[in-house]
Amino acid sequence: MKNKIIAVIGAGGKTTLIHRLAEEYRRKGASVLVSTTTHMLVEPDTDLSCDSFAIMEKIKKTGYCMAGAVCSENSAKMQSLPEQMLHDLMKQVDYALIEADGAKHYALKYPSEQEPVIPEGTTDVILVLGSWDLGKPCKDVVFRFEHMTSALGISGDMKADKQMLQWIWQAYEEKLKNMDYQGHFHVLLSEKTDQGLMFHTLEE
């Protein structure tokens, strides 16, 4: 099986998507590492040891490990593993699922100059766009909206709509181009339903 390093960016369900993909890959018998290059909520089974041997032992036993380093500013969150450790671990599993963007639980996000934080060797980038706050002012529903208004010259009171989704999409595409990213790029629209979040593929 070819090693896949998948970075999930944007806003509106990144963590949910990562765990669903992890479960799907585990069911197929693949080994999975879940981690982050920014911050991510700690879960009961999260490994915060920063011990690569212990992390790989868990993956060998169960096919899965969510791992990161203790976040000094917020004990409810983890931050990235040491860069070389993360790089080495990602190469030892079938799938590395990396949350590579922070969004503070907003439905949408416009990236700043330093974002997203795509790890070296990434094979796939998935951009998530949340749909449930469309129709509301972008200053209320777009994380880092000030970067969007600065870049596009629009008012923070402008309503979030499908055109705004396109602008966000284009901004991230431009970011990846400037990073000389050569892998696959996917865009998913997330929607809240009675069954939980649903993800739909968007095409240009």
Protein backbone atom coordinates (compact mmCIF):
# COMPACT_ATOMS: atom_id res chain seq x y z
CA MET A 1 0.00 0.00 0.00
CA LYS A 2 1.36 3.41 -0.94
CA ASN A 3 2.02 5.77 1.98
CA LYS A 4 -0.48 8.66 2.05
CA ILE A 5 0.00 11.90 3.97
CA ILE A 6 -3.31 13.79 3.99
CA ALA A 7 -3.47 17.38 5.27
CA VAL A 8 -6.96 18.66 6.13
CA ILE A 9 -7.37 22.47 6.00
CA GLY A 10 -10.10 25.13 6.10
CA ALA A 11 -12.98 25.07 8.58
CA GLY A 12 -16.32 23.42 9.25
CA GLY A 13 -15.62 19.84 10.28
CA LYS A 14 -11.91 19.07 9.82
CA THR A 15 -11.62 16.91 12.94
CA THR A 16 -14.85 15.04 12.19
CA LEU A 17 -13.64 14.29 8.67
CA ILE A 18 -10.24 13.12 9.93
CA HIS A 19 -11.79 10.65 12.38
CA ARG A 20 -14.19 9.31 9.76
CA LEU A 21 -11.34 8.76 7.32
CA ALA A 22 -9.25 7.15 10.07
CA GLU A 23 -12.07 4.71 10.87
CA GLU A 24 -12.59 3.91 7.19
CA TYR A 25 -8.90 3.18 6.65
CA ARG A 26 -8.66 1.08 9.83
CA ARG A 27 -11.59 -1.03 8.67
CA LYS A 28 -9.58 -1.80 5.55
CA GLY A 29 -6.69 -3.00 7.68
CA ALA A 30 -4.45 0.03 7.14
CA SER A 31 -2.25 1.67 9.77
CA VAL A 32 -3.24 5.24 10.66
CA LEU A 33 -1.59 8.15 12.46
CA VAL A 34 -3.67 11.22 13.36
CA SER A 35 -1.79 14.37 14.32
CA THR A 36 -1.59 18.11 13.71
CA THR A 37 0.82 20.84 12.59
CA THR A 38 -1.20 23.46 14.51
CA HIS A 39 -3.54 22.58 17.41
CA MET A 40 -6.19 19.93 17.92
CA LEU A 41 -8.47 18.93 20.77
CA VAL A 42 -7.08 16.17 22.98
CA GLU A 43 -9.25 13.04 23.10
CA PRO A 44 -9.26 10.25 25.74
CA ASP A 45 -7.00 8.01 23.64
CA THR A 46 -4.57 10.74 22.53
CA ASP A 47 -0.89 9.92 23.06
CA LEU A 48 0.99 12.94 24.43
CA SER A 49 4.20 11.11 25.30
CA CYS A 50 6.24 12.36 22.32
CA ASP A 51 7.73 8.85 22.36
CA SER A 52 7.87 7.64 18.77
CA PHE A 53 8.47 4.02 19.85
CA ALA A 54 5.36 4.03 22.08
CA ILE A 55 3.30 5.65 19.31
CA MET A 56 4.36 3.02 16.76
CA GLU A 57 3.69 0.22 19.26
CA LYS A 58 0.09 1.45 19.60
CA ILE A 59 -0.26 1.59 15.83
CA LYS A 60 1.11 -1.96 15.48
CA LYS A 61 -1.34 -3.25 18.11
CA THR A 62 -4.52 -1.39 17.11
CA GLY A 63 -3.81 0.07 13.67
CA TYR A 64 -4.29 3.58 15.01
CA CYS A 65 -2.84 6.32 17.18
CA MET A 66 -3.72 9.99 17.64
CA ALA A 67 -0.57 11.73 18.84
CA GLY A 68 0.72 15.20 19.62
CA ALA A 69 2.62 17.26 22.16
CA VAL A 70 1.16 18.89 25.26
CA CYS A 71 0.00 22.43 24.50
CA SER A 72 1.37 24.76 27.17
CA GLU A 73 -1.31 27.42 26.57
CA ASN A 74 -4.33 25.09 26.68
CA SER A 75 -4.29 21.64 28.28
CA ALA A 76 -7.45 20.68 26.36
CA LYS A 77 -5.47 20.87 23.12
CA MET A 78 -2.39 19.28 21.68
CA GLN A 79 0.17 20.85 19.40
CA SER A 80 2.46 19.38 16.79
CA LEU A 81 4.96 16.66 17.58
CA PRO A 82 8.61 17.66 17.08
CA GLU A 83 9.03 18.17 13.32
CA GLN A 84 11.51 15.35 12.67
CA MET A 85 9.51 12.90 14.82
CA LEU A 86 6.30 13.71 12.94
CA HIS A 87 8.09 13.34 9.61
CA ASP A 88 9.53 9.95 10.59
CA LEU A 89 6.20 8.65 11.95
CA MET A 90 4.25 9.75 8.86
CA LYS A 91 6.56 7.64 6.70
CA GLN A 92 5.94 4.50 8.79
CA VAL A 93 2.15 4.31 8.42
CA ASP A 94 -0.18 3.68 5.51
CA TYR A 95 -2.14 6.87 6.22
CA ALA A 96 -1.11 9.99 8.15
CA LEU A 97 -4.08 12.31 8.69
CA ILE A 98 -2.88 15.77 9.68
CA GLU A 99 -5.02 18.69 10.81
CA ALA A 100 -3.02 21.49 9.20
CA ASP A 101 -5.12 24.59 9.86
CA GLY A 102 -6.79 26.19 12.87
CA ALA A 103 -10.28 27.71 12.73
CA LYS A 104 -11.58 28.16 16.32
CA HIS A 105 -14.77 26.20 15.47
CA TYR A 106 -15.85 28.65 12.74
CA ALA A 107 -17.71 27.32 9.69
CA LEU A 108 -15.36 29.10 7.25
CA LYS A 109 -11.80 30.38 7.22
CA TYR A 110 -9.66 32.67 5.08
CA PRO A 111 -5.95 31.87 5.47
CA SER A 112 -3.36 34.30 6.82
CA GLU A 113 0.17 34.66 5.44
CA GLN A 114 1.54 31.71 7.44
CA GLU A 115 -1.37 29.34 6.81
CA PRO A 116 -2.04 26.53 6.19
CA VAL A 117 0.84 24.53 7.71
CA ILE A 118 1.27 21.68 5.21
CA PRO A 119 3.82 19.04 6.29
CA GLU A 120 6.62 18.04 3.97
CA GLY A 121 5.75 15.03 1.84
CA THR A 122 1.98 15.65 1.82
CA THR A 123 0.30 13.66 -0.96
CA ASP A 124 -3.26 15.00 -0.59
CA VAL A 125 -4.77 18.24 0.71
CA ILE A 126 -8.48 18.37 1.58
CA LEU A 127 -10.07 21.81 1.98
CA VAL A 128 -13.26 21.80 4.09
CA LEU A 129 -15.86 24.56 3.69
CA GLY A 130 -18.76 24.70 6.18
CA SER A 131 -22.12 25.64 4.66
CA TRP A 132 -24.35 26.23 7.68
CA ASP A 133 -23.57 29.91 8.25
CA LEU A 134 -24.10 31.06 4.67
CA GLY A 135 -26.30 34.14 4.63
CA LYS A 136 -24.69 35.67 7.73
CA PRO A 137 -22.16 38.55 7.75
CA CYS A 138 -18.67 37.26 6.94
CA LYS A 139 -17.18 39.03 9.98
CA ASP A 140 -19.29 36.72 12.17
CA VAL A 141 -18.72 33.43 10.37
CA VAL A 142 -15.30 33.56 8.64
CA PHE A 143 -12.26 33.02 10.85
CA ARG A 144 -9.60 35.62 9.99
CA PHE A 145 -12.19 37.60 8.00
CA GLU A 146 -9.91 40.64 8.33
CA HIS A 147 -7.45 38.94 5.96
CA MET A 148 -10.26 38.36 3.49
CA THR A 149 -11.50 41.95 3.62
CA SER A 150 -7.93 43.20 3.25
CA ALA A 151 -7.21 40.90 0.29
CA LEU A 152 -10.52 41.36 -1.51
CA GLY A 153 -11.59 44.84 -0.42
CA ILE A 154 -14.98 43.68 0.81
CA SER A 155 -16.93 44.76 3.88
CA GLY A 156 -17.11 42.53 6.95
CA ASP A 157 -20.89 43.02 6.76
CA MET A 158 -21.07 41.31 3.37
CA LYS A 159 -23.12 38.14 3.62
CA ALA A 160 -21.31 34.83 3.24
CA ASP A 161 -22.52 33.18 0.02
CA LYS A 162 -21.42 30.74 -2.68
CA GLN A 163 -19.22 33.41 -4.25
CA MET A 164 -17.40 33.76 -0.93
CA LEU A 165 -16.80 29.99 -0.87
CA GLN A 166 -15.17 30.37 -4.27
CA TRP A 167 -12.95 33.21 -3.02
CA ILE A 168 -11.82 31.13 -0.04
CA TRP A 169 -11.18 28.15 -2.32
CA GLN A 170 -9.09 30.32 -4.66
CA ALA A 171 -7.11 31.80 -1.75
CA TYR A 172 -6.13 28.33 -0.53
CA GLU A 173 -5.30 27.20 -4.06
CA GLU A 174 -3.00 30.19 -4.43
CA LYS A 175 -1.35 29.37 -1.08
CA LEU A 176 -0.63 25.80 -2.20
CA LYS A 177 0.70 27.03 -5.54
CA ASN A 178 3.09 29.41 -3.75
CA MET A 179 4.28 26.49 -1.59
CA ASP A 180 4.99 24.57 -4.80
CA TYR A 181 2.65 21.82 -3.58
CA GLN A 182 2.57 19.03 -6.18
CA GLY A 183 0.00 16.63 -4.72
CA HIS A 184 -3.75 16.18 -5.07
CA PHE A 185 -6.19 18.89 -3.97
CA HIS A 186 -9.78 18.09 -2.94
CA VAL A 187 -12.56 20.45 -1.80
CA LEU A 188 -15.44 19.28 0.40
CA LEU A 189 -18.57 21.19 1.45
CA SER A 190 -19.78 20.18 4.90
CA GLU A 191 -23.45 20.31 5.83
CA LYS A 192 -25.21 19.83 9.18
CA THR A 193 -27.95 17.17 9.06
CA ASP A 194 -29.96 15.11 11.57
CA GLN A 195 -27.40 12.34 11.01
CA GLY A 196 -24.47 14.65 11.79
CA LEU A 197 -22.07 16.32 9.40
CA MET A 198 -22.25 15.30 5.76
CA PHE A 199 -19.45 16.01 3.28
CA HIS A 200 -19.95 16.62 -0.43
CA THR A 201 -17.24 16.92 -3.07
CA LEU A 202 -17.13 20.26 -4.87
CA GLU A 203 -15.91 20.60 -8.44
CA GLU A 204 -14.56 23.72 -10.10
